Amino acid sequence: MSHAWVHLVDFGLPVKVGGLWVKPGDLLHGDQRGIVSVPPEIATRVPEGLTKVEAAERKIIATCQARNFSAEKLKAVYREVRPGTY
């Protein structure tokens, strides 16, 4: 943040961030592609979901790095870790 003049008007109210309305206490994830809000009722399940995504990504990366790589093998891994993709 730059040296800006700040004038506090209010707090504890919803604000719009990157086109997304955010309420106090919301859990957010943002990167260069955008921002998402994680509903509090599923926030405790985020680590489980991340573990599943990481495991799938490791299989995809290992397939791509294998000496015997082929597009067909990559498609097969995608079918395994992301059913309905191919």
Protein backbone atom coordinates (compact mmCIF):
# COMPACT_ATOMS: atom_id res chain seq x y z
CA MET A 1 0.00 0.00 0.00
CA SER A 2 1.16 3.49 -0.78
CA HIS A 3 1.15 6.45 1.55
CA ALA A 4 -2.50 7.25 1.18
CA TRP A 5 -4.85 9.47 3.08
CA VAL A 6 -7.25 7.21 4.93
CA HIS A 7 -10.56 8.31 6.36
CA LEU A 8 -12.41 5.57 8.25
CA VAL A 9 -16.11 5.82 7.50
CA ASP A 10 -17.42 2.53 8.86
CA PHE A 11 -16.42 -1.08 9.52
CA GLY A 12 -18.02 -4.49 9.84
CA LEU A 13 -20.05 -4.04 6.65
CA PRO A 14 -20.01 -6.00 3.38
CA VAL A 15 -17.61 -4.69 0.73
CA LYS A 16 -17.04 -5.53 -2.90
CA VAL A 17 -13.62 -7.05 -3.69
CA GLY A 18 -12.77 -7.98 -7.26
CA GLY A 19 -16.47 -8.08 -8.15
CA LEU A 20 -17.29 -10.34 -5.18
CA TRP A 21 -19.33 -9.20 -2.20
CA VAL A 22 -17.50 -10.06 1.01
CA LYS A 23 -19.02 -10.05 4.48
CA PRO A 24 -17.05 -9.75 7.72
CA GLY A 25 -15.74 -13.20 8.68
CA ASP A 26 -15.80 -14.63 5.14
CA LEU A 27 -12.90 -16.88 4.16
CA LEU A 28 -11.32 -15.81 0.88
CA HIS A 29 -8.78 -17.24 -1.53
CA GLY A 30 -7.34 -15.07 -4.24
CA ASP A 31 -4.60 -15.29 -6.83
CA GLN A 32 -3.77 -13.75 -10.20
CA ARG A 33 -6.81 -15.48 -11.70
CA GLY A 34 -9.38 -14.06 -9.30
CA ILE A 35 -10.94 -14.45 -5.89
CA VAL A 36 -13.39 -16.94 -4.40
CA SER A 37 -15.30 -17.03 -1.16
CA VAL A 38 -15.33 -20.26 0.84
CA PRO A 39 -18.62 -20.69 2.71
CA PRO A 40 -17.93 -20.98 6.46
CA GLU A 41 -19.98 -24.18 6.69
CA ILE A 42 -17.49 -26.04 4.45
CA ALA A 43 -14.27 -24.29 5.54
CA THR A 44 -13.24 -27.22 7.75
CA ARG A 45 -13.31 -29.49 4.68
CA VAL A 46 -10.82 -27.36 2.69
CA PRO A 47 -7.72 -29.32 3.83
CA GLU A 48 -9.35 -32.60 2.73
CA GLY A 49 -10.12 -31.13 -0.68
CA LEU A 50 -6.61 -29.77 -1.05
CA THR A 51 -5.15 -33.19 -0.26
CA LYS A 52 -7.25 -34.75 -3.04
CA VAL A 53 -6.27 -32.06 -5.56
CA GLU A 54 -2.58 -32.40 -4.68
CA ALA A 55 -2.68 -36.19 -5.08
CA ALA A 56 -4.30 -35.87 -8.50
CA GLU A 57 -1.81 -33.20 -9.60
CA ARG A 58 1.12 -35.38 -8.49
CA LYS A 59 -0.14 -38.23 -10.72
CA ILE A 60 -0.51 -35.88 -13.69
CA ILE A 61 2.97 -34.39 -13.18
CA ALA A 62 4.57 -37.82 -12.74
CA THR A 63 2.97 -39.00 -15.98
CA CYS A 64 4.23 -35.93 -17.84
CA GLN A 65 7.75 -36.37 -16.48
CA ALA A 66 7.97 -40.11 -17.23
CA ARG A 67 10.43 -41.26 -19.90
CA ASN A 68 7.66 -43.21 -21.60
CA PHE A 69 5.23 -40.26 -21.69
CA SER A 70 2.47 -40.31 -24.26
CA ALA A 71 -0.69 -38.32 -24.83
CA GLU A 72 -2.70 -41.52 -24.37
CA LYS A 73 -1.13 -42.14 -20.95
CA LEU A 74 -1.90 -38.57 -19.95
CA LYS A 75 -5.52 -38.97 -21.07
CA ALA A 76 -5.75 -42.19 -19.04
CA VAL A 77 -4.49 -40.41 -15.92
CA TYR A 78 -6.99 -37.60 -16.47
CA ARG A 79 -9.80 -40.15 -16.80
CA GLU A 80 -8.65 -41.65 -13.49
CA VAL A 81 -8.25 -38.46 -11.46
CA ARG A 82 -10.84 -36.28 -13.16
CA PRO A 83 -13.69 -38.50 -14.37
CA GLY A 84 -15.68 -36.95 -17.18
CA THR A 85 -12.73 -34.92 -18.52
CA TYR A 86 -11.83 -37.29 -21.37
